[in-house]
Amino acid sequence: MNLESYYKKRYMLFKWRTSQSFVNKSIMAFFMACLTGLMAQIVIPLPWTPVPVTAQTFAVLISGILLGRYWGGFSQLLYVILGVAGIPWFAGMEGGYTIILGATGGYLIGFIIAALFLGHFVDKYIGSRNFIPMFALMLFANFILIYVPGLLALGFWVYTTKGYIPSLWDLLVMGLLPFIIGDIIKITGASALTKAITPKEAYGEEVDTKD
């Protein structure tokens, strides 16, 4: 397949995705939620923190790219709601409302926000679909939109279960520092994938037509 054919196919794919009905977009969002749940089972527990290393962040970042505005976020909302309802697809094959109230609940909320954020940019701004701008956007989505609510909820969990307010350093050791290298690897891969699969021409409501 030559480059011209490849560029045409990726354009048609995203044009097709944008034009789908509510029902079809909901089905795609459900499958992306399933992918997030599947990747959440790639777990490396750490002995000093209740927050494990998982691969699900990659699915979260890509959900906004593949499904676009609203629907990427909706896929993560489905993931959280169905997991809270009892489907055991949170990390370690866990489910139920206690997870959202636990040490990792804030990260789950951050997943929704991050997917919405990335979906907005990839659908609205053509320039965001290149590697460097997407890498920057994913850094922000990952380390601000996911980790800020994650660390806040983790701190509250420590206070309610251990009886003390953790220091900022303690929070960072438990909830951020061990994950930086792995997250940067996932962000690099997700940014490269975005560069490869997204069309560099308008397929919807773009306001920025520059490559």
Protein backbone atom coordinates (compact mmCIF):
# COMPACT_ATOMS: atom_id res chain seq x y z
CA MET A 1 0.00 0.00 0.00
CA ASN A 2 1.52 3.33 -1.05
CA LEU A 3 1.44 6.47 1.07
CA GLU A 4 -1.33 8.12 -0.90
CA SER A 5 -3.59 5.12 -0.39
CA TYR A 6 -2.71 5.00 3.31
CA TYR A 7 -3.50 8.69 3.79
CA LYS A 8 -6.84 8.22 2.04
CA LYS A 9 -7.77 5.22 4.21
CA ARG A 10 -7.02 6.99 7.48
CA TYR A 11 -9.01 10.02 6.34
CA MET A 12 -11.99 7.82 5.44
CA LEU A 13 -11.78 6.03 8.78
CA PHE A 14 -12.00 9.23 10.81
CA LYS A 15 -14.62 10.71 8.50
CA TRP A 16 -16.65 7.53 8.98
CA ARG A 17 -16.21 7.69 12.76
CA THR A 18 -17.37 11.30 12.89
CA SER A 19 -20.52 10.60 10.87
CA GLN A 20 -21.75 7.62 12.89
CA SER A 21 -25.05 7.56 14.76
CA PHE A 22 -25.42 7.92 18.51
CA VAL A 23 -25.94 4.17 18.85
CA ASN A 24 -22.84 3.26 16.85
CA LYS A 25 -20.70 5.76 18.73
CA SER A 26 -22.00 4.34 22.01
CA ILE A 27 -21.01 0.84 20.87
CA MET A 28 -17.52 2.07 19.96
CA ALA A 29 -17.25 3.76 23.35
CA PHE A 30 -18.24 0.50 25.07
CA PHE A 31 -15.54 -1.42 23.21
CA MET A 32 -12.98 1.21 24.19
CA ALA A 33 -14.11 0.83 27.81
CA CYS A 34 -13.54 -2.92 27.42
CA LEU A 35 -10.05 -2.28 26.07
CA THR A 36 -9.31 -0.04 29.06
CA GLY A 37 -10.50 -2.79 31.39
CA LEU A 38 -8.37 -5.36 29.58
CA MET A 39 -5.23 -3.24 29.79
CA ALA A 40 -5.95 -2.56 33.47
CA GLN A 41 -5.17 -6.22 34.10
CA ILE A 42 -1.52 -5.67 33.16
CA VAL A 43 -0.56 -4.91 36.76
CA ILE A 44 2.71 -4.52 38.64
CA PRO A 45 1.98 -4.02 42.36
CA LEU A 46 4.35 -1.88 44.38
CA PRO A 47 4.91 -2.75 48.06
CA TRP A 48 4.95 0.81 49.41
CA THR A 49 1.78 2.12 47.77
CA PRO A 50 -1.79 0.97 47.10
CA VAL A 51 -1.50 2.40 43.57
CA PRO A 52 -0.20 -0.24 41.11
CA VAL A 53 1.56 0.19 37.80
CA THR A 54 -0.87 -0.65 34.98
CA ALA A 55 -1.08 -0.31 31.20
CA GLN A 56 -4.55 1.24 31.16
CA THR A 57 -3.30 4.82 30.84
CA PHE A 58 -2.33 4.04 27.25
CA ALA A 59 -5.94 3.06 26.48
CA VAL A 60 -7.21 6.20 28.21
CA LEU A 61 -5.01 8.47 26.10
CA ILE A 62 -5.83 6.68 22.86
CA SER A 63 -9.59 6.66 23.58
CA GLY A 64 -9.75 10.42 23.03
CA ILE A 65 -7.79 10.10 19.79
CA LEU A 66 -9.83 7.25 18.33
CA LEU A 67 -13.28 8.40 19.46
CA GLY A 68 -12.83 12.16 19.53
CA ARG A 69 -14.65 14.84 21.45
CA TYR A 70 -17.14 13.66 24.06
CA TRP A 71 -17.00 10.00 23.00
CA GLY A 72 -13.49 9.36 24.27
CA GLY A 73 -14.57 10.77 27.61
CA PHE A 74 -17.81 8.83 27.42
CA SER A 75 -15.88 5.59 26.95
CA GLN A 76 -13.99 6.25 30.20
CA LEU A 77 -17.21 7.27 31.94
CA LEU A 78 -18.65 3.90 30.89
CA TYR A 79 -15.53 2.18 32.18
CA VAL A 80 -15.93 3.82 35.58
CA ILE A 81 -19.72 3.44 35.87
CA LEU A 82 -19.76 -0.22 34.85
CA GLY A 83 -16.80 -0.96 37.09
CA VAL A 84 -18.53 0.71 40.04
CA ALA A 85 -21.63 -1.32 39.18
CA GLY A 86 -19.63 -4.49 39.69
CA ILE A 87 -17.86 -5.49 36.50
CA PRO A 88 -14.41 -6.65 37.69
CA TRP A 89 -12.30 -4.77 35.17
CA PHE A 90 -10.50 -2.29 37.38
CA ALA A 91 -6.85 -3.10 38.09
CA GLY A 92 -6.42 -6.59 39.52
CA MET A 93 -9.87 -7.70 38.33
CA GLU A 94 -11.64 -5.65 40.97
CA GLY A 95 -14.98 -3.88 40.77
CA GLY A 96 -17.59 -2.21 42.94
CA TYR A 97 -18.21 1.20 44.44
CA THR A 98 -15.46 0.80 47.04
CA ILE A 99 -12.85 1.29 44.32
CA ILE A 100 -14.05 4.79 43.42
CA LEU A 101 -13.92 5.65 47.14
CA GLY A 102 -10.51 4.07 47.59
CA ALA A 103 -6.90 5.00 46.99
CA THR A 104 -7.17 4.95 43.19
CA GLY A 105 -10.61 6.53 42.75
CA GLY A 106 -9.25 9.94 41.83
CA TYR A 107 -7.24 8.52 38.96
CA LEU A 108 -10.41 7.00 37.51
CA ILE A 109 -12.07 10.43 37.52
CA GLY A 110 -8.97 11.83 35.87
CA PHE A 111 -9.27 9.26 33.08
CA ILE A 112 -12.60 10.78 32.02
CA ILE A 113 -11.25 14.34 32.06
CA ALA A 114 -8.08 13.43 30.16
CA ALA A 115 -9.95 11.58 27.41
CA LEU A 116 -12.35 14.49 26.97
CA PHE A 117 -9.45 16.92 26.76
CA LEU A 118 -7.50 14.95 24.15
CA GLY A 119 -10.59 14.15 22.12
CA HIS A 120 -11.43 17.84 21.91
CA PHE A 121 -8.00 18.80 20.61
CA VAL A 122 -7.60 15.99 18.09
CA ASP A 123 -11.02 16.66 16.57
CA LYS A 124 -10.84 20.45 16.63
CA TYR A 125 -7.22 21.29 15.80
CA ILE A 126 -5.39 19.64 12.92
CA GLY A 127 -2.05 20.85 14.23
CA SER A 128 -2.47 18.80 17.39
CA ARG A 129 -2.27 15.56 15.41
CA ASN A 130 1.49 15.74 14.93
CA PHE A 131 3.91 14.11 17.34
CA ILE A 132 5.34 17.10 19.24
CA PRO A 133 2.07 18.95 19.97
CA MET A 134 0.31 15.70 20.86
CA PHE A 135 3.20 14.68 23.12
CA ALA A 136 2.83 18.00 24.96
CA LEU A 137 -0.95 17.62 25.22
CA MET A 138 -0.63 14.08 26.54
CA LEU A 139 1.95 15.15 29.10
CA PHE A 140 -0.55 17.71 30.39
CA ALA A 141 -3.46 15.26 30.28
CA ASN A 142 -1.49 12.57 32.08
CA PHE A 143 0.43 14.48 34.72
CA ILE A 144 -2.14 17.21 35.46
CA LEU A 145 -5.61 15.99 34.53
CA ILE A 146 -5.09 12.44 35.81
CA TYR A 147 -2.58 12.86 38.61
CA VAL A 148 -4.01 15.93 40.33
CA PRO A 149 -7.40 14.32 41.15
CA GLY A 150 -5.54 11.05 41.73
CA LEU A 151 -3.22 12.51 44.35
CA LEU A 152 -6.02 14.48 46.03
CA ALA A 153 -8.13 11.36 46.41
CA LEU A 154 -5.11 9.33 47.53
CA GLY A 155 -4.36 11.89 50.23
CA PHE A 156 -7.97 11.77 51.42
CA TRP A 157 -7.82 7.95 51.47
CA VAL A 158 -4.67 8.02 53.60
CA TYR A 159 -6.32 10.46 56.01
CA THR A 160 -9.52 8.43 56.37
CA THR A 161 -7.82 5.03 56.66
CA LYS A 162 -4.52 5.81 58.39
CA GLY A 163 -5.61 8.79 60.48
CA TYR A 164 -3.00 11.31 59.35
CA ILE A 165 -2.55 13.88 56.60
CA PRO A 166 0.31 12.76 54.33
CA SER A 167 3.00 15.20 53.33
CA LEU A 168 3.34 16.26 49.71
CA TRP A 169 6.50 14.16 49.43
CA ASP A 170 4.73 11.08 50.79
CA LEU A 171 1.95 11.57 48.26
CA LEU A 172 4.39 11.91 45.40
CA VAL A 173 6.27 8.77 46.45
CA MET A 174 3.03 6.79 46.62
CA GLY A 175 1.13 8.24 43.72
CA LEU A 176 3.40 9.85 41.12
CA LEU A 177 7.17 9.31 41.18
CA PRO A 178 7.18 5.52 40.59
CA PHE A 179 5.08 5.94 37.45
CA ILE A 180 6.85 8.76 35.61
CA ILE A 181 9.17 6.67 33.40
CA GLY A 182 6.45 4.20 32.44
CA ASP A 183 4.00 7.01 31.71
CA ILE A 184 6.47 8.81 29.48
CA ILE A 185 6.98 5.58 27.52
CA LYS A 186 3.21 5.19 27.12
CA ILE A 187 2.80 8.85 26.15
CA THR A 188 5.56 8.54 23.56
CA GLY A 189 3.90 5.47 22.05
CA ALA A 190 0.45 7.06 22.08
CA SER A 191 1.77 10.26 20.49
CA ALA A 192 3.55 8.31 17.76
CA LEU A 193 0.39 6.29 17.10
CA THR A 194 -1.63 9.51 16.88
CA LYS A 195 0.83 10.91 14.34
CA ALA A 196 0.53 7.74 12.26
CA ILE A 197 -3.22 7.15 12.25
CA THR A 198 -4.82 10.60 12.25
CA PRO A 199 -5.45 12.46 8.98
CA LYS A 200 -3.73 15.81 8.57
CA GLU A 201 -6.72 17.32 6.81
CA ALA A 202 -10.17 18.29 8.06
CA TYR A 203 -12.69 15.50 8.56
CA GLY A 204 -15.18 17.32 10.80
CA GLU A 205 -15.42 20.72 12.49
CA GLU A 206 -11.74 21.73 12.60
CA VAL A 207 -10.90 25.38 13.07
CA ASP A 208 -7.15 25.02 12.51
CA THR A 209 -6.27 23.89 8.99
CA LYS A 210 -2.48 24.03 9.35
CA ASP A 211 -0.42 20.82 9.40
